[in-house]
Protein backbone atom coordinates (compact mmCIF):
# COMPACT_ATOMS: atom_id res chain seq x y z
CA MET A 1 56.59 -102.78 20.16
CA THR A 2 59.83 -104.50 18.41
CA ALA A 3 62.25 -102.41 20.63
CA MET A 4 59.61 -103.55 23.66
CA TRP A 5 59.84 -106.79 22.85
CA THR A 6 63.93 -106.82 22.17
CA ALA A 7 64.03 -105.15 25.85
CA VAL A 8 62.00 -107.94 27.91
CA ALA A 9 63.95 -110.50 26.08
CA VAL A 10 67.39 -109.38 27.11
CA LEU A 11 65.80 -109.42 30.71
CA ALA A 12 64.28 -112.70 30.56
CA ALA A 13 67.57 -113.95 28.91
CA THR A 14 69.49 -111.92 31.70
CA TYR A 15 67.23 -113.54 34.59
CA ALA A 16 67.31 -116.57 33.27
CA ALA A 17 71.23 -116.55 32.91
CA VAL A 18 71.65 -115.49 37.11
CA MET A 19 69.14 -118.31 37.90
CA SER A 20 71.27 -120.76 35.67
CA GLU A 21 74.91 -119.78 37.76
CA LYS A 22 76.73 -120.66 34.64
CA LEU A 23 78.18 -117.50 34.41
CA ASN A 24 78.89 -115.45 37.39
CA ARG A 25 75.83 -112.65 38.15
CA SER A 26 77.56 -109.45 37.73
CA ILE A 27 79.12 -110.91 34.03
CA VAL A 28 76.06 -111.51 33.39
CA ALA A 29 74.12 -108.19 34.01
CA LEU A 30 77.31 -106.12 32.21
CA LEU A 31 76.67 -108.42 28.97
CA GLY A 32 72.57 -107.35 29.42
CA ALA A 33 73.52 -103.89 29.73
CA LEU A 34 75.94 -103.84 26.47
CA MET A 35 72.86 -105.79 24.45
CA MET A 36 70.61 -102.90 25.77
CA ILE A 37 73.33 -100.35 23.76
CA VAL A 38 74.12 -102.46 20.73
CA LEU A 39 70.50 -103.46 19.93
CA GLY A 40 69.70 -99.54 20.16
CA ILE A 41 67.44 -99.44 22.83
CA LEU A 42 69.36 -97.16 24.81
CA SER A 43 72.11 -94.79 23.64
CA GLN A 44 75.50 -95.05 25.66
CA GLU A 45 74.43 -91.40 27.52
CA GLU A 46 70.79 -92.87 28.52
CA ALA A 47 72.47 -96.43 29.77
CA ILE A 48 75.10 -94.05 31.88
CA GLU A 49 72.28 -92.55 33.51
CA GLY A 50 70.20 -95.34 34.23
CA ILE A 51 72.37 -96.49 36.92
CA ASP A 52 71.74 -95.01 40.77
CA PHE A 53 74.97 -93.96 42.02
CA ASN A 54 73.42 -92.94 45.30
CA THR A 55 72.42 -97.24 45.49
CA ILE A 56 76.40 -97.66 44.35
CA GLY A 57 77.88 -95.12 47.10
CA LEU A 58 75.99 -96.53 49.78
CA LEU A 59 76.52 -100.27 49.12
CA VAL A 60 80.41 -99.45 48.38
CA GLY A 61 80.57 -96.81 51.33
CA MET A 62 79.17 -99.93 54.11
CA MET A 63 80.93 -102.29 52.70
CA ILE A 64 84.50 -100.46 53.38
CA ILE A 65 83.07 -99.08 56.89
CA VAL A 66 82.66 -103.08 57.85
CA SER A 67 85.64 -103.67 56.37
CA ILE A 68 87.82 -101.64 58.44
CA THR A 69 85.57 -102.46 61.83
CA ARG A 70 85.88 -106.00 61.67
CA LYS A 71 89.09 -105.98 61.66
CA SER A 72 89.01 -104.56 65.47
CA GLY A 73 87.13 -108.05 66.24
CA VAL A 74 84.46 -106.64 67.69
CA PHE A 75 81.84 -108.63 66.26
CA GLU A 76 83.73 -111.31 67.48
CA TYR A 77 83.21 -109.53 70.82
CA LEU A 78 79.73 -109.53 70.51
CA ALA A 79 79.18 -113.17 69.56
CA ILE A 80 81.59 -114.52 72.65
CA TRP A 81 79.81 -111.90 75.01
CA SER A 82 76.46 -113.22 73.66
CA ALA A 83 77.06 -116.76 74.65
CA LYS A 84 78.71 -115.94 78.07
CA ARG A 85 75.31 -113.72 79.41
CA VAL A 86 73.24 -116.74 78.91
CA LYS A 87 76.13 -118.77 80.97
CA ALA A 88 76.63 -121.09 78.04
CA SER A 89 73.15 -122.70 78.04
CA PRO A 90 72.47 -124.20 74.25
CA ALA A 91 68.79 -122.40 74.19
CA GLY A 92 70.11 -118.98 75.73
CA ILE A 93 72.85 -119.17 73.15
CA LEU A 94 70.46 -120.11 70.07
CA ALA A 95 68.00 -117.11 70.97
CA MET A 96 70.86 -114.89 71.69
CA LEU A 97 72.72 -115.34 68.63
CA ALA A 98 69.88 -115.09 66.61
CA VAL A 99 68.89 -111.46 67.94
CA VAL A 100 72.92 -110.65 67.77
CA THR A 101 72.76 -111.22 64.33
CA ALA A 102 69.25 -109.76 63.92
CA VAL A 103 70.56 -106.33 65.57
CA MET A 104 73.91 -106.50 63.31
CA SER A 105 71.93 -106.98 60.22
CA ALA A 106 69.86 -104.34 60.40
CA PHE A 107 73.05 -101.88 59.89
CA LEU A 108 75.74 -104.41 58.28
CA ASP A 109 75.13 -106.55 54.76
CA ASN A 110 73.42 -109.62 55.38
CA VAL A 111 76.66 -111.59 54.24
CA THR A 112 79.35 -109.81 56.36
CA THR A 113 77.11 -110.51 59.21
CA VAL A 114 77.26 -114.25 58.65
CA LEU A 115 80.70 -114.27 57.81
CA LEU A 116 81.20 -112.89 61.02
CA VAL A 117 79.19 -114.45 63.20
CA VAL A 118 79.19 -118.37 61.64
CA PRO A 119 82.85 -118.98 62.54
CA VAL A 120 82.48 -118.15 66.69
CA THR A 121 79.40 -120.16 66.44
CA LEU A 122 81.09 -122.91 65.33
CA VAL A 123 83.61 -122.25 67.90
CA ILE A 124 81.20 -122.38 70.80
CA THR A 125 78.96 -125.30 69.13
CA GLU A 126 81.77 -127.40 68.95
CA GLN A 127 82.83 -126.50 72.81
CA LEU A 128 79.43 -127.68 74.06
CA LYS A 129 79.32 -130.47 71.91
CA VAL A 130 75.72 -129.96 70.49
CA ASP A 131 74.33 -130.44 66.89
CA PRO A 132 75.55 -126.41 64.98
CA TYR A 133 72.93 -126.99 62.35
CA PRO A 134 69.79 -125.20 64.05
CA PHE A 135 72.14 -122.33 65.34
CA LEU A 136 72.98 -121.86 61.64
CA PHE A 137 69.83 -122.24 60.31
CA SER A 138 68.77 -119.35 62.84
CA GLN A 139 70.95 -117.36 61.91
CA ILE A 140 70.37 -117.63 58.30
CA VAL A 141 66.70 -116.64 59.19
CA ALA A 142 67.68 -114.07 61.46
CA SER A 143 69.78 -112.28 59.44
CA ASN A 144 66.95 -111.97 56.50
CA ILE A 145 64.37 -110.26 59.25
CA GLY A 146 67.00 -108.39 60.65
CA GLY A 147 67.80 -106.94 57.55
CA THR A 148 64.55 -105.91 56.42
CA ALA A 149 64.14 -102.99 59.63
CA THR A 150 66.28 -100.50 58.31
CA LEU A 151 67.54 -98.80 54.80
CA ILE A 152 70.82 -100.11 54.84
CA GLY A 153 70.40 -103.92 56.34
CA ASP A 154 69.44 -105.28 52.68
CA PRO A 155 69.94 -104.47 49.35
CA PRO A 156 66.55 -104.24 48.28
CA ASN A 157 65.73 -102.04 51.15
CA ILE A 158 68.61 -99.90 49.76
CA LEU A 159 67.37 -99.94 46.14
CA ILE A 160 63.79 -99.09 47.40
CA GLY A 161 65.23 -96.37 49.34
CA THR A 162 67.57 -94.65 47.07
CA GLN A 163 65.17 -94.72 43.88
CA VAL A 164 62.17 -93.99 46.01
CA GLY A 165 64.18 -91.28 48.52
CA LEU A 166 63.19 -92.52 51.27
CA SER A 167 64.65 -92.04 54.25
CA PHE A 168 66.60 -94.30 57.18
CA ASN A 169 63.46 -92.98 59.53
CA ASP A 170 61.14 -93.84 57.00
CA PHE A 171 61.99 -97.44 57.29
CA VAL A 172 62.72 -97.90 60.71
CA VAL A 173 59.50 -96.08 62.02
CA ASN A 174 58.13 -98.14 59.14
CA LEU A 175 59.25 -101.77 59.15
CA ALA A 176 60.81 -102.20 62.68
CA PRO A 177 57.70 -102.56 64.34
CA VAL A 178 56.60 -105.54 62.37
CA ILE A 179 59.93 -107.10 62.45
CA ILE A 180 60.16 -106.92 66.14
CA VAL A 181 56.85 -109.10 66.14
CA VAL A 182 58.22 -111.53 63.37
CA LEU A 183 61.82 -111.64 65.38
CA ILE A 184 60.09 -112.79 68.38
CA VAL A 185 57.99 -115.22 66.74
CA HIS A 186 61.59 -116.76 65.09
CA VAL A 187 62.98 -116.79 68.40
CA LEU A 188 60.09 -118.52 69.90
CA SER A 189 59.70 -120.62 66.93
CA MET A 190 63.54 -122.10 66.97
CA HIS A 191 63.15 -123.13 71.01
CA VAL A 192 60.20 -124.87 70.03
CA LEU A 193 61.83 -126.75 67.55
CA TRP A 194 65.37 -127.29 68.87
CA GLY A 195 66.36 -124.86 71.91
CA ARG A 196 63.92 -127.14 74.74
CA LYS A 197 65.62 -130.66 73.80
CA MET A 198 69.65 -129.12 73.46
CA THR A 199 71.54 -130.14 76.69
CA ALA A 200 74.93 -129.55 77.06
CA ALA A 201 77.47 -131.34 79.75
CA PRO A 202 78.77 -129.18 82.76
CA ASP A 203 82.10 -129.47 82.08
CA ALA A 204 81.72 -128.23 78.13
CA MET A 205 79.51 -125.27 79.27
CA ALA A 206 82.63 -123.85 81.51
CA LYS A 207 84.43 -124.11 78.76
CA VAL A 208 82.67 -121.36 77.06
CA MET A 209 82.33 -119.61 80.19
CA ALA A 210 85.99 -119.45 80.41
CA PHE A 211 86.21 -117.82 77.15
CA ASP A 212 87.23 -114.01 77.40
CA GLU A 213 86.03 -111.96 74.72
CA ARG A 214 88.46 -109.05 75.71
CA ARG A 215 90.72 -110.75 74.22
CA ALA A 216 88.97 -110.74 70.55
CA ILE A 217 89.20 -107.01 70.44
CA THR A 218 92.66 -107.18 68.57
CA ASP A 219 92.76 -102.92 68.00
CA HIS A 220 91.33 -101.17 70.21
CA ARG A 221 92.04 -97.55 68.78
CA LEU A 222 90.93 -98.94 65.92
CA LEU A 223 87.87 -99.90 68.11
CA LYS A 224 87.04 -96.42 69.37
CA GLN A 225 87.78 -95.25 65.51
CA ALA A 226 85.37 -97.34 63.75
CA LEU A 227 82.47 -97.24 66.05
CA ALA A 228 82.61 -93.11 65.91
CA VAL A 229 82.34 -92.89 62.92
CA LEU A 230 79.64 -95.37 62.87
CA ALA A 231 77.84 -93.53 64.98
CA ILE A 232 78.33 -90.47 63.33
CA VAL A 233 76.95 -92.13 59.97
CA ILE A 234 73.58 -93.49 61.81
CA ALA A 235 73.06 -90.24 63.13
CA ALA A 236 73.34 -88.68 59.54
CA PHE A 237 71.17 -91.13 57.76
CA VAL A 238 68.28 -90.19 60.85
CA SER A 239 68.70 -86.80 59.99
CA SER A 240 69.94 -86.73 56.08
CA ARG A 241 66.30 -84.22 55.52
CA HIS A 242 67.65 -82.10 57.66
CA ILE A 243 70.87 -81.94 56.47
CA GLY A 244 70.52 -82.13 52.61
CA LEU A 245 72.28 -85.25 52.37
CA GLU A 246 71.93 -88.45 49.96
CA ALA A 247 72.53 -92.02 51.78
CA GLY A 248 74.92 -92.69 49.20
CA ALA A 249 76.69 -89.82 49.73
CA ILE A 250 76.45 -90.19 53.57
CA GLY A 251 78.18 -93.63 53.44
CA MET A 252 81.20 -92.49 51.62
CA ALA A 253 82.21 -89.59 53.48
CA GLY A 254 82.06 -92.39 56.37
CA ALA A 255 84.30 -94.56 54.20
CA ALA A 256 86.75 -91.64 53.59
CA PHE A 257 87.14 -90.59 57.10
CA LEU A 258 87.49 -93.87 58.55
CA MET A 259 90.03 -94.45 55.99
CA LEU A 260 91.74 -91.77 57.15
CA LEU A 261 92.08 -92.43 60.70
CA ASP A 262 92.78 -96.11 59.59
CA ASN A 263 96.22 -94.70 57.71
CA VAL A 264 96.83 -91.54 60.09
CA GLY A 265 100.83 -91.99 61.05
CA ARG A 266 101.32 -94.98 58.78
CA SER A 267 104.27 -94.63 55.57
CA SER A 268 102.83 -94.13 52.66
CA GLU A 269 103.45 -97.62 51.37
CA HIS A 270 101.71 -99.01 54.31
CA GLN A 271 98.80 -97.07 53.15
CA THR A 272 99.09 -98.41 50.22
CA GLU A 273 99.24 -101.90 51.32
CA ASN A 274 96.27 -101.41 53.75
CA ILE A 275 93.66 -99.27 51.34
CA THR A 276 94.68 -102.10 48.64
CA LYS A 277 93.49 -104.73 51.09
CA VAL A 278 90.23 -102.17 52.54
CA PHE A 279 89.20 -102.31 48.66
CA GLY A 280 89.74 -106.29 47.56
CA GLU A 281 87.01 -106.80 50.18
CA VAL A 282 84.67 -104.70 48.85
CA GLU A 283 81.97 -107.02 46.91
CA TRP A 284 82.52 -105.71 43.79
CA ILE A 285 80.83 -108.92 41.95
CA THR A 286 77.75 -106.84 43.58
CA ILE A 287 78.92 -103.62 42.81
CA PHE A 288 79.12 -104.43 38.74
CA PHE A 289 75.91 -106.84 38.92
CA PHE A 290 73.75 -103.79 39.70
CA VAL A 291 75.56 -101.73 37.50
CA GLY A 292 74.61 -103.98 34.69
CA LEU A 293 71.15 -104.56 36.25
CA PHE A 294 70.46 -100.48 36.05
CA MET A 295 70.88 -100.73 32.90
CA VAL A 296 69.23 -103.88 31.99
CA ILE A 297 66.03 -102.30 33.62
CA ALA A 298 66.56 -98.87 32.24
CA GLY A 299 66.15 -100.37 28.60
CA VAL A 300 62.81 -102.11 29.59
CA GLU A 301 61.54 -98.99 31.13
CA HIS A 302 62.69 -97.04 28.12
CA THR A 303 60.71 -98.95 25.43
CA GLY A 304 57.45 -98.77 27.89
CA ALA A 305 57.43 -102.44 28.74
CA LEU A 306 56.85 -101.47 32.36
CA LYS A 307 54.14 -98.81 32.12
CA LEU A 308 52.18 -101.12 29.88
CA LEU A 309 52.57 -103.76 32.57
CA ALA A 310 51.68 -101.93 35.25
CA ASP A 311 48.33 -100.91 34.02
CA GLN A 312 47.66 -104.44 33.39
CA LEU A 313 48.49 -105.13 37.20
CA VAL A 314 45.65 -101.98 37.91
CA ALA A 315 43.30 -103.54 35.91
CA ALA A 316 43.61 -107.05 37.14
CA THR A 317 43.23 -105.91 40.97
CA GLY A 318 40.58 -103.42 39.98
CA ALA A 319 42.78 -100.42 41.20
CA ASP A 320 42.37 -101.42 44.65
CA LEU A 321 45.15 -100.62 47.10
CA GLN A 322 44.41 -103.09 49.44
CA VAL A 323 44.61 -106.33 46.87
CA THR A 324 47.52 -104.63 44.97
CA GLY A 325 49.23 -104.02 47.90
CA LEU A 326 48.96 -107.70 49.27
CA ALA A 327 49.52 -108.93 45.74
CA VAL A 328 52.58 -107.36 45.79
CA MET A 329 54.10 -108.43 48.91
CA TRP A 330 52.76 -112.23 48.52
CA ALA A 331 54.47 -112.16 45.24
CA SER A 332 57.14 -110.79 45.84
CA ALA A 333 57.62 -113.25 48.40
CA VAL A 334 57.16 -116.47 46.89
CA LEU A 335 59.09 -115.12 43.97
CA SER A 336 61.96 -114.10 46.63
CA ALA A 337 62.56 -117.32 47.97
CA ILE A 338 62.90 -118.93 43.98
CA VAL A 339 64.85 -115.80 42.04
CA ASP A 340 67.73 -113.43 43.34
CA ASN A 341 65.62 -110.60 44.87
CA ILE A 342 67.92 -107.80 43.90
CA PRO A 343 67.06 -107.66 40.20
CA PHE A 344 63.12 -108.97 41.07
CA VAL A 345 63.02 -105.56 42.88
CA ALA A 346 64.87 -103.92 40.52
CA THR A 347 62.05 -104.06 37.71
CA MET A 348 59.40 -103.80 40.43
CA ILE A 349 60.38 -100.53 41.54
CA PRO A 350 59.83 -98.71 38.22
CA LEU A 351 56.86 -100.91 37.40
CA ILE A 352 55.39 -99.58 40.92
CA LYS A 353 56.24 -96.13 39.94
CA ALA A 354 54.40 -96.42 36.54
CA MET A 355 51.37 -97.15 38.93
CA ALA A 356 51.34 -93.50 40.34
CA PRO A 357 47.96 -92.18 38.17
CA SER A 358 46.25 -94.89 39.55
CA PHE A 359 46.60 -94.50 43.11
CA GLY A 360 46.52 -90.58 43.40
CA GLY A 361 50.59 -90.13 43.07
CA PRO A 362 53.21 -91.16 44.21
CA ASP A 363 52.12 -90.76 47.80
CA GLY A 364 49.78 -92.99 47.29
CA LEU A 365 52.02 -95.65 46.47
CA MET A 366 53.55 -95.98 50.24
CA PRO A 367 52.09 -99.34 51.35
CA LEU A 368 53.22 -100.83 47.53
CA TRP A 369 56.60 -100.24 48.56
CA TRP A 370 56.38 -101.79 52.42
CA ALA A 371 54.77 -104.59 50.54
CA LEU A 372 57.84 -104.73 48.85
CA SER A 373 60.06 -104.91 51.36
CA LEU A 374 58.29 -106.81 53.68
CA GLY A 375 57.95 -109.51 50.92
CA ALA A 376 61.01 -109.52 49.05
CA CYS A 377 63.62 -109.73 52.25
CA LEU A 378 61.66 -112.35 54.48
CA GLY A 379 61.15 -114.20 51.21
CA GLY A 380 64.64 -114.98 50.75
CA ASN A 381 64.43 -116.78 53.69
CA GLY A 382 62.41 -119.44 51.60
CA THR A 383 64.62 -121.50 50.40
CA LEU A 384 68.75 -122.07 50.24
CA ILE A 385 69.05 -120.04 46.92
CA GLY A 386 66.92 -117.26 48.11
CA ALA A 387 69.62 -115.04 49.33
CA SER A 388 73.34 -114.60 49.58
CA ALA A 389 73.00 -115.16 53.66
CA ASN A 390 71.83 -118.65 53.34
CA LEU A 391 74.22 -119.72 50.36
CA THR A 392 77.05 -118.14 52.29
CA VAL A 393 75.87 -120.24 55.61
CA ALA A 394 75.61 -123.20 53.56
CA GLY A 395 78.99 -122.98 51.54
CA ILE A 396 80.74 -122.42 55.41
CA ALA A 397 79.04 -125.60 57.13
CA GLU A 398 80.09 -127.90 54.17
CA ARG A 399 83.48 -126.69 54.01
CA ASN A 400 83.27 -127.69 57.95
CA GLY A 401 81.68 -131.02 57.52
CA ILE A 402 77.90 -130.13 58.23
CA PRO A 403 75.60 -130.57 55.42
CA PHE A 404 73.28 -127.84 54.93
CA ARG A 405 70.83 -129.93 52.45
CA PHE A 406 68.17 -127.96 50.16
CA LEU A 407 65.48 -130.16 50.99
CA ARG A 408 66.42 -130.22 54.38
CA TYR A 409 66.82 -126.34 55.15
CA THR A 410 62.87 -125.73 53.11
CA LYS A 411 61.12 -128.19 54.82
CA ILE A 412 61.52 -125.89 57.91
CA ALA A 413 62.67 -122.63 56.45
CA PHE A 414 59.43 -122.04 53.80
CA PRO A 415 56.67 -122.79 56.11
CA LEU A 416 58.37 -120.06 58.50
CA MET A 417 58.61 -118.06 55.68
CA ILE A 418 55.07 -118.08 55.79
CA LEU A 419 54.42 -117.19 58.44
CA HIS A 420 56.33 -114.74 59.00
CA VAL A 421 54.70 -113.30 55.85
CA ALA A 422 51.63 -113.68 57.40
CA ILE A 423 52.03 -111.21 60.17
CA CYS A 424 53.27 -108.88 57.79
CA HIS A 425 50.20 -109.56 55.87
CA VAL A 426 48.29 -108.46 59.35
CA TYR A 427 50.58 -105.25 59.82
CA LEU A 428 49.75 -103.99 56.55
CA LEU A 429 45.99 -104.41 56.88
CA TRP A 430 45.70 -103.11 60.03
CA ARG A 431 48.26 -100.03 59.14
CA TYR A 432 48.11 -98.64 55.38
CA LEU A 433 45.69 -100.62 53.72
């Protein structure tokens, strides 16, 4: 019991330090992992075994692929192309950029997506002389919605998929249908709130229509290579169970192959410079946050604390799968709006696994995994601190003189998040519970 309470105390201290934002979260997680070893809760070998290298491989691999692909200019091309498809209408652009952001977020991480789309959005709104805030708000919410649909779209899904053994297809088949509905509701909500009132002068719209999206493509050779590798990687994700490869291996293989294509024919010095730049764009803070967090969670799990808590939760819900599933989703949504959803999901995974005996084994837990994913990913929209993409957009907006305040965002975002999770509530009841 002493070891159990010590491990829980380390976990709680790690959470508190991450939430305080006084120290970088990667430092906090690694120090928490160190405490688990120093206090004797885990041996060094057990701590290393606790790291899910499949998750790490998938994250690093996809970050490298995105880093190289973005150099071609394809993402800027998509944003300009979308604006021109709706004749530069502000309401149309509001809707189109939300859809483009959601689709991109299903295959890229959310932070990367908004980093690519937001600068182009600011240029378009400046030309149209319209308030950029609704566009940025919409893209935050759309990025978190789109990321929920696939295995690789959002870190919580990557954690769930790799640690539970769920494939890319599993996420698409089980979550994409309701996410499409949620996205449609989001686009309609944005139109009702802002889009229908937006207007722009004809000459301003003409300036946007004069943009040449083809000029955004800076490297046609790299574009073809990157799109080919992305297509192969996604095809491998879809057929992973048939080819016998884990998601992490697929992501790393795709990254290695695209790096090869991007460096063939370059001199040795140029290759070193190019690869160093690509590796420099990997979000190592996130990677080492995961490494430390995995060790902290392993320490808590090792002491039996999560098994004890799982038994208590099952008892509290009367071992009723419907009650448990809905409780997991709503608790995940509300808590993910307040705390970082990555450590929350990392803690919940072994907790839910420990419930398996009460629900007939691992197969009986499937509805709980979808409930956790929907709640944690969509819950991140609830407040400005709910997800990394939210803070990223807010930071870009502030640097461009656009106020992005916590309360202003939350007053609209939290009710929308509740609406989106309510749609998922109905979906879970209809399909699983």
